Amino acid sequence: MKDLLRMIAVELVDHPEQVSISEREEDNKIVLELRVAPEDMGKVIGKQGRIAKSIRTIIKATTASESKKVVVDIKE
């Protein structure tokens, strides 16, 4: 799922070399923290958060069979 998130993010941004993803576990969930360049934040979030919501939906759908919930956190 980390690779899928990286693949999606790299295609959206102008500075793919600045895309980084870290993964951590909290309680009963996995948090994927996506970091992009400040000028690429709008491209990853989209108008009214539509792209961010779509990214989260894709990740959620691919991890539906796992026992832990997966959360995507987008940061600069």
PDB file of N, CA and C in Angstrom:
ATOM      1  N   MET A   1       0.816  -1.197   0.000  1.00  0.00           N
ATOM      2  CA  MET A   1       0.000   0.000   0.000  1.00  0.00           C
ATOM      3  C   MET A   1       0.856   1.255   0.000  1.00  0.00           C
ATOM      4  N   LYS A   2       2.034   1.159   0.596  1.00  0.00           N
ATOM      5  CA  LYS A   2       2.954   2.295   0.586  1.00  0.00           C
ATOM      6  C   LYS A   2       3.404   2.591  -0.850  1.00  0.00           C
ATOM      7  N   ASP A   3       3.664   1.536  -1.605  1.00  0.00           N
ATOM      8  CA  ASP A   3       4.095   1.693  -2.996  1.00  0.00           C
ATOM      9  C   ASP A   3       2.984   2.273  -3.864  1.00  0.00           C
ATOM     10  N   LEU A   4       1.761   1.847  -3.620  1.00  0.00           N
ATOM     11  CA  LEU A   4       0.613   2.369  -4.358  1.00  0.00           C
ATOM     12  C   LEU A   4       0.443   3.860  -4.092  1.00  0.00           C
ATOM     13  N   LEU A   5       0.547   4.258  -2.832  1.00  0.00           N
ATOM     14  CA  LEU A   5       0.421   5.672  -2.470  1.00  0.00           C
ATOM     15  C   LEU A   5       1.529   6.491  -3.132  1.00  0.00           C
ATOM     16  N   ARG A   6       2.751   5.965  -3.136  1.00  0.00           N
ATOM     17  CA  ARG A   6       3.871   6.671  -3.775  1.00  0.00           C
ATOM     18  C   ARG A   6       3.622   6.822  -5.276  1.00  0.00           C
ATOM     19  N   MET A   7       3.138   5.765  -5.917  1.00  0.00           N
ATOM     20  CA  MET A   7       2.879   5.796  -7.348  1.00  0.00           C
ATOM     21  C   MET A   7       1.832   6.866  -7.693  1.00  0.00           C
ATOM     22  N   ILE A   8       0.784   6.942  -6.908  1.00  0.00           N
ATOM     23  CA  ILE A   8      -0.272   7.937  -7.144  1.00  0.00           C
ATOM     24  C   ILE A   8       0.280   9.349  -6.938  1.00  0.00           C
ATOM     25  N   ALA A   9       0.974   9.562  -5.826  1.00  0.00           N
ATOM     26  CA  ALA A   9       1.476  10.899  -5.485  1.00  0.00           C
ATOM     27  C   ALA A   9       2.492  11.403  -6.507  1.00  0.00           C
ATOM     28  N   VAL A  10       3.394  10.547  -6.953  1.00  0.00           N
ATOM     29  CA  VAL A  10       4.433  10.956  -7.903  1.00  0.00           C
ATOM     30  C   VAL A  10       3.814  11.433  -9.212  1.00  0.00           C
ATOM     31  N   GLU A  11       2.721  10.812  -9.624  1.00  0.00           N
ATOM     32  CA  GLU A  11       2.057  11.213 -10.870  1.00  0.00           C
ATOM     33  C   GLU A  11       1.336  12.552 -10.741  1.00  0.00           C
ATOM     34  N   LEU A  12       0.988  12.955  -9.537  1.00  0.00           N
ATOM     35  CA  LEU A  12       0.232  14.191  -9.336  1.00  0.00           C
ATOM     36  C   LEU A  12       1.099  15.441  -9.196  1.00  0.00           C
ATOM     37  N   VAL A  13       2.299  15.297  -8.694  1.00  0.00           N
ATOM     38  CA  VAL A  13       3.113  16.453  -8.304  1.00  0.00           C
ATOM     39  C   VAL A  13       4.119  16.864  -9.380  1.00  0.00           C
ATOM     40  N   ASP A  14       4.635  18.093  -9.236  1.00  0.00           N
ATOM     41  CA  ASP A  14       5.678  18.607 -10.128  1.00  0.00           C
ATOM     42  C   ASP A  14       7.082  18.228  -9.646  1.00  0.00           C
ATOM     43  N   HIS A  15       7.204  17.926  -8.349  1.00  0.00           N
ATOM     44  CA  HIS A  15       8.499  17.592  -7.750  1.00  0.00           C
ATOM     45  C   HIS A  15       8.440  16.186  -7.150  1.00  0.00           C
ATOM     46  N   PRO A  16       8.463  15.154  -8.004  1.00  0.00           N
ATOM     47  CA  PRO A  16       8.332  13.788  -7.491  1.00  0.00           C
ATOM     48  C   PRO A  16       9.478  13.352  -6.576  1.00  0.00           C
ATOM     49  N   GLU A  17      10.624  13.986  -6.706  1.00  0.00           N
ATOM     50  CA  GLU A  17      11.759  13.619  -5.856  1.00  0.00           C
ATOM     51  C   GLU A  17      11.536  14.015  -4.398  1.00  0.00           C
ATOM     52  N   GLN A  18      10.581  14.912  -4.145  1.00  0.00           N
ATOM     53  CA  GLN A  18      10.300  15.360  -2.778  1.00  0.00           C
ATOM     54  C   GLN A  18       9.146  14.596  -2.128  1.00  0.00           C
ATOM     55  N   VAL A  19       8.627  13.606  -2.802  1.00  0.00           N
ATOM     56  CA  VAL A  19       7.557  12.785  -2.222  1.00  0.00           C
ATOM     57  C   VAL A  19       8.178  11.787  -1.262  1.00  0.00           C
ATOM     58  N   SER A  20       7.691  11.779  -0.037  1.00  0.00           N
ATOM     59  CA  SER A  20       8.164  10.777   0.927  1.00  0.00           C
ATOM     60  C   SER A  20       6.964  10.241   1.708  1.00  0.00           C
ATOM     61  N   ILE A  21       7.052   8.982   2.056  1.00  0.00           N
ATOM     62  CA  ILE A  21       5.967   8.327   2.767  1.00  0.00           C
ATOM     63  C   ILE A  21       6.555   7.575   3.947  1.00  0.00           C
ATOM     64  N   SER A  22       5.991   7.829   5.120  1.00  0.00           N
ATOM     65  CA  SER A  22       6.401   7.067   6.302  1.00  0.00           C
ATOM     66  C   SER A  22       5.179   6.310   6.815  1.00  0.00           C
ATOM     67  N   GLU A  23       5.451   5.202   7.453  1.00  0.00           N
ATOM     68  CA  GLU A  23       4.379   4.342   7.941  1.00  0.00           C
ATOM     69  C   GLU A  23       4.582   4.094   9.425  1.00  0.00           C
ATOM     70  N   ARG A  24       3.508   4.208  10.182  1.00  0.00           N
ATOM     71  CA  ARG A  24       3.587   3.907  11.615  1.00  0.00           C
ATOM     72  C   ARG A  24       2.285   3.246  12.064  1.00  0.00           C
ATOM     73  N   GLU A  25       2.372   2.492  13.122  1.00  0.00           N
ATOM     74  CA  GLU A  25       1.184   1.817  13.657  1.00  0.00           C
ATOM     75  C   GLU A  25       0.752   2.510  14.938  1.00  0.00           C
ATOM     76  N   GLU A  26      -0.536   2.741  15.035  1.00  0.00           N
ATOM     77  CA  GLU A  26      -1.131   3.314  16.235  1.00  0.00           C
ATOM     78  C   GLU A  26      -2.350   2.479  16.584  1.00  0.00           C
ATOM     79  N   ASP A  27      -2.406   1.993  17.801  1.00  0.00           N
ATOM     80  CA  ASP A  27      -3.523   1.177  18.275  1.00  0.00           C
ATOM     81  C   ASP A  27      -3.879   0.100  17.249  1.00  0.00           C
ATOM     82  N   ASN A  28      -5.022   0.230  16.622  1.00  0.00           N
ATOM     83  CA  ASN A  28      -5.467  -0.783  15.664  1.00  0.00           C
ATOM     84  C   ASN A  28      -5.527  -0.215  14.246  1.00  0.00           C
ATOM     85  N   LYS A  29      -4.609   0.717  13.934  1.00  0.00           N
ATOM     86  CA  LYS A  29      -4.605   1.305  12.598  1.00  0.00           C
ATOM     87  C   LYS A  29      -3.179   1.564  12.129  1.00  0.00           C
ATOM     88  N   ILE A  30      -3.040   1.662  10.828  1.00  0.00           N
ATOM     89  CA  ILE A  30      -1.761   1.993  10.196  1.00  0.00           C
ATOM     90  C   ILE A  30      -1.896   3.385   9.601  1.00  0.00           C
ATOM     91  N   VAL A  31      -0.965   4.262   9.941  1.00  0.00           N
ATOM     92  CA  VAL A  31      -0.985   5.637   9.439  1.00  0.00           C
ATOM     93  C   VAL A  31       0.106   5.785   8.384  1.00  0.00           C
ATOM     94  N   LEU A  32      -0.303   6.152   7.175  1.00  0.00           N
ATOM     95  CA  LEU A  32       0.645   6.457   6.103  1.00  0.00           C
ATOM     96  C   LEU A  32       0.730   7.970   6.006  1.00  0.00           C
ATOM     97  N   GLU A  33       1.904   8.519   6.258  1.00  0.00           N
ATOM     98  CA  GLU A  33       2.097   9.965   6.235  1.00  0.00           C
ATOM     99  C   GLU A  33       2.764  10.349   4.920  1.00  0.00           C
ATOM    100  N   LEU A  34       2.032  11.058   4.088  1.00  0.00           N
ATOM    101  CA  LEU A  34       2.513  11.494   2.780  1.00  0.00           C
ATOM    102  C   LEU A  34       3.019  12.924   2.892  1.00  0.00           C
ATOM    103  N   ARG A  35       4.270  13.132   2.513  1.00  0.00           N
ATOM    104  CA  ARG A  35       4.855  14.480   2.522  1.00  0.00           C
ATOM    105  C   ARG A  35       5.223  14.855   1.092  1.00  0.00           C
ATOM    106  N   VAL A  36       4.844  16.080   0.701  1.00  0.00           N
ATOM    107  CA  VAL A  36       5.165  16.601  -0.629  1.00  0.00           C
ATOM    108  C   VAL A  36       5.711  18.013  -0.474  1.00  0.00           C
ATOM    109  N   ALA A  37       6.252  18.549  -1.556  1.00  0.00           N
ATOM    110  CA  ALA A  37       6.753  19.927  -1.547  1.00  0.00           C
ATOM    111  C   ALA A  37       5.585  20.880  -1.296  1.00  0.00           C
ATOM    112  N   PRO A  38       5.833  22.005  -0.620  1.00  0.00           N
ATOM    113  CA  PRO A  38       4.747  22.951  -0.322  1.00  0.00           C
ATOM    114  C   PRO A  38       3.979  23.408  -1.559  1.00  0.00           C
ATOM    115  N   GLU A  39       4.669  23.600  -2.679  1.00  0.00           N
ATOM    116  CA  GLU A  39       3.978  24.060  -3.888  1.00  0.00           C
ATOM    117  C   GLU A  39       3.135  22.964  -4.536  1.00  0.00           C
ATOM    118  N   ASP A  40       3.304  21.716  -4.099  1.00  0.00           N
ATOM    119  CA  ASP A  40       2.520  20.606  -4.639  1.00  0.00           C
ATOM    120  C   ASP A  40       1.319  20.232  -3.770  1.00  0.00           C
ATOM    121  N   MET A  41       1.156  20.888  -2.643  1.00  0.00           N
ATOM    122  CA  MET A  41       0.053  20.542  -1.736  1.00  0.00           C
ATOM    123  C   MET A  41      -1.302  20.660  -2.418  1.00  0.00           C
ATOM    124  N   GLY A  42      -1.508  21.718  -3.180  1.00  0.00           N
ATOM    125  CA  GLY A  42      -2.787  21.924  -3.857  1.00  0.00           C
ATOM    126  C   GLY A  42      -3.097  20.831  -4.859  1.00  0.00           C
ATOM    127  N   LYS A  43      -2.079  20.311  -5.489  1.00  0.00           N
ATOM    128  CA  LYS A  43      -2.279  19.239  -6.475  1.00  0.00           C
ATOM    129  C   LYS A  43      -2.652  17.924  -5.811  1.00  0.00           C
ATOM    130  N   VAL A  44      -2.140  17.688  -4.622  1.00  0.00           N
ATOM    131  CA  VAL A  44      -2.434  16.450  -3.907  1.00  0.00           C
ATOM    132  C   VAL A  44      -3.786  16.543  -3.194  1.00  0.00           C
ATOM    133  N   ILE A  45      -4.137  17.732  -2.733  1.00  0.00           N
ATOM    134  CA  ILE A  45      -5.410  17.897  -2.020  1.00  0.00           C
ATOM    135  C   ILE A  45      -6.556  18.110  -3.005  1.00  0.00           C
ATOM    136  N   GLY A  46      -6.350  18.946  -4.013  1.00  0.00           N
ATOM    137  CA  GLY A  46      -7.390  19.182  -5.010  1.00  0.00           C
ATOM    138  C   GLY A  46      -8.439  20.171  -4.534  1.00  0.00           C
ATOM    139  N   LYS A  47      -9.340  20.519  -5.438  1.00  0.00           N
ATOM    140  CA  LYS A  47     -10.410  21.452  -5.106  1.00  0.00           C
ATOM    141  C   LYS A  47     -11.350  20.814  -4.101  1.00  0.00           C
ATOM    142  N   GLN A  48     -11.550  21.503  -3.001  1.00  0.00           N
ATOM    143  CA  GLN A  48     -12.417  21.047  -1.910  1.00  0.00           C
ATOM    144  C   GLN A  48     -12.023  19.662  -1.399  1.00  0.00           C
ATOM    145  N   GLY A  49     -10.745  19.301  -1.541  1.00  0.00           N
ATOM    146  CA  GLY A  49     -10.235  18.047  -1.014  1.00  0.00           C
ATOM    147  C   GLY A  49     -10.629  16.812  -1.796  1.00  0.00           C
ATOM    148  N   ARG A  50     -11.060  16.991  -3.025  1.00  0.00           N
ATOM    149  CA  ARG A  50     -11.550  15.848  -3.808  1.00  0.00           C
ATOM    150  C   ARG A  50     -10.455  14.840  -4.145  1.00  0.00           C
ATOM    151  N   ILE A  51      -9.268  15.315  -4.507  1.00  0.00           N
ATOM    152  CA  ILE A  51      -8.189  14.386  -4.850  1.00  0.00           C
ATOM    153  C   ILE A  51      -7.726  13.642  -3.597  1.00  0.00           C
ATOM    154  N   ALA A  52      -7.592  14.356  -2.483  1.00  0.00           N
ATOM    155  CA  ALA A  52      -7.194  13.709  -1.230  1.00  0.00           C
ATOM    156  C   ALA A  52      -8.215  12.642  -0.836  1.00  0.00           C
ATOM    157  N   LYS A  53      -9.475  12.947  -0.986  1.00  0.00           N
ATOM    158  CA  LYS A  53     -10.530  11.987  -0.659  1.00  0.00           C
ATOM    159  C   LYS A  53     -10.444  10.772  -1.581  1.00  0.00           C
ATOM    160  N   SER A  54     -10.167  11.001  -2.854  1.00  0.00           N
ATOM    161  CA  SER A  54     -10.034   9.894  -3.805  1.00  0.00           C
ATOM    162  C   SER A  54      -8.843   9.006  -3.466  1.00  0.00           C
ATOM    163  N   ILE A  55      -7.727   9.621  -3.093  1.00  0.00           N
ATOM    164  CA  ILE A  55      -6.543   8.858  -2.695  1.00  0.00           C
ATOM    165  C   ILE A  55      -6.874   7.979  -1.498  1.00  0.00           C
ATOM    166  N   ARG A  56      -7.530   8.566  -0.506  1.00  0.00           N
ATOM    167  CA  ARG A  56      -7.899   7.801   0.695  1.00  0.00           C
ATOM    168  C   ARG A  56      -8.856   6.664   0.360  1.00  0.00           C
ATOM    169  N   THR A  57      -9.786   6.898  -0.566  1.00  0.00           N
ATOM    170  CA  THR A  57     -10.733   5.860  -0.973  1.00  0.00           C
ATOM    171  C   THR A  57     -10.017   4.707  -1.655  1.00  0.00           C
ATOM    172  N   ILE A  58      -9.065   5.004  -2.523  1.00  0.00           N
ATOM    173  CA  ILE A  58      -8.302   3.962  -3.215  1.00  0.00           C
ATOM    174  C   ILE A  58      -7.510   3.121  -2.212  1.00  0.00           C
ATOM    175  N   ILE A  59      -6.831   3.775  -1.292  1.00  0.00           N
ATOM    176  CA  ILE A  59      -6.038   3.061  -0.291  1.00  0.00           C
ATOM    177  C   ILE A  59      -6.955   2.223   0.594  1.00  0.00           C
ATOM    178  N   LYS A  60      -8.079   2.782   0.988  1.00  0.00           N
ATOM    179  CA  LYS A  60      -9.030   2.051   1.832  1.00  0.00           C
ATOM    180  C   LYS A  60      -9.570   0.819   1.103  1.00  0.00           C
ATOM    181  N   ALA A  61      -9.866   0.953  -0.186  1.00  0.00           N
ATOM    182  CA  ALA A  61     -10.393  -0.170  -0.965  1.00  0.00           C
ATOM    183  C   ALA A  61      -9.359  -1.278  -1.116  1.00  0.00           C
ATOM    184  N   THR A  62      -8.104  -0.924  -1.305  1.00  0.00           N
ATOM    185  CA  THR A  62      -7.067  -1.945  -1.493  1.00  0.00           C
ATOM    186  C   THR A  62      -6.700  -2.644  -0.189  1.00  0.00           C
ATOM    187  N   THR A  63      -7.009  -2.035   0.938  1.00  0.00           N
ATOM    188  CA  THR A  63      -6.670  -2.638   2.228  1.00  0.00           C
ATOM    189  C   THR A  63      -7.902  -3.144   2.971  1.00  0.00           C
ATOM    190  N   ALA A  64      -9.009  -3.271   2.290  1.00  0.00           N
ATOM    191  CA  ALA A  64     -10.256  -3.675   2.940  1.00  0.00           C
ATOM    192  C   ALA A  64     -10.177  -5.056   3.568  1.00  0.00           C
ATOM    193  N   SER A  65      -9.378  -5.933   2.999  1.00  0.00           N
ATOM    194  CA  SER A  65      -9.299  -7.296   3.532  1.00  0.00           C
ATOM    195  C   SER A  65      -8.382  -7.408   4.755  1.00  0.00           C
ATOM    196  N   GLU A  66      -7.631  -6.367   5.051  1.00  0.00           N
ATOM    197  CA  GLU A  66      -6.745  -6.402   6.215  1.00  0.00           C
ATOM    198  C   GLU A  66      -7.524  -6.103   7.484  1.00  0.00           C
ATOM    199  N   SER A  67      -7.000  -6.569   8.596  1.00  0.00           N
ATOM    200  CA  SER A  67      -7.704  -6.396   9.863  1.00  0.00           C
ATOM    201  C   SER A  67      -7.531  -4.993  10.450  1.00  0.00           C
ATOM    202  N   LYS A  68      -6.518  -4.265  10.015  1.00  0.00           N
ATOM    203  CA  LYS A  68      -6.275  -2.924  10.550  1.00  0.00           C
ATOM    204  C   LYS A  68      -6.768  -1.854   9.587  1.00  0.00           C
ATOM    205  N   LYS A  69      -7.233  -0.763  10.148  1.00  0.00           N
ATOM    206  CA  LYS A  69      -7.668   0.390   9.357  1.00  0.00           C
ATOM    207  C   LYS A  69      -6.424   1.145   8.887  1.00  0.00           C
ATOM    208  N   VAL A  70      -6.472   1.657   7.664  1.00  0.00           N
ATOM    209  CA  VAL A  70      -5.354   2.419   7.117  1.00  0.00           C
ATOM    210  C   VAL A  70      -5.798   3.867   6.925  1.00  0.00           C
ATOM    211  N   VAL A  71      -4.995   4.796   7.449  1.00  0.00           N
ATOM    212  CA  VAL A  71      -5.283   6.224   7.379  1.00  0.00           C
ATOM    213  C   VAL A  71      -4.176   6.903   6.594  1.00  0.00           C
ATOM    214  N   VAL A  72      -4.549   7.791   5.661  1.00  0.00           N
ATOM    215  CA  VAL A  72      -3.563   8.566   4.893  1.00  0.00           C
ATOM    216  C   VAL A  72      -3.571   9.992   5.436  1.00  0.00           C
ATOM    217  N   ASP A  73      -2.404  10.434   5.893  1.00  0.00           N
ATOM    218  CA  ASP A  73      -2.231  11.783   6.445  1.00  0.00           C
ATOM    219  C   ASP A  73      -1.326  12.553   5.489  1.00  0.00           C
ATOM    220  N   ILE A  74      -1.797  13.694   4.971  1.00  0.00           N
ATOM    221  CA  ILE A  74      -1.035  14.472   3.983  1.00  0.00           C
ATOM    222  C   ILE A  74      -0.437  15.696   4.666  1.00  0.00           C
ATOM    223  N   LYS A  75       0.895  15.855   4.527  1.00  0.00           N
ATOM    224  CA  LYS A  75       1.597  16.976   5.165  1.00  0.00           C
ATOM    225  C   LYS A  75       2.598  17.591   4.197  1.00  0.00           C
ATOM    226  N   GLU A  76       3.011  18.819   4.534  1.00  0.00           N
ATOM    227  CA  GLU A  76       4.066  19.489   3.757  1.00  0.00           C
ATOM    228  C   GLU A  76       5.412  18.957   4.155  1.00  0.00           C
TER     229      GLU A  76
END
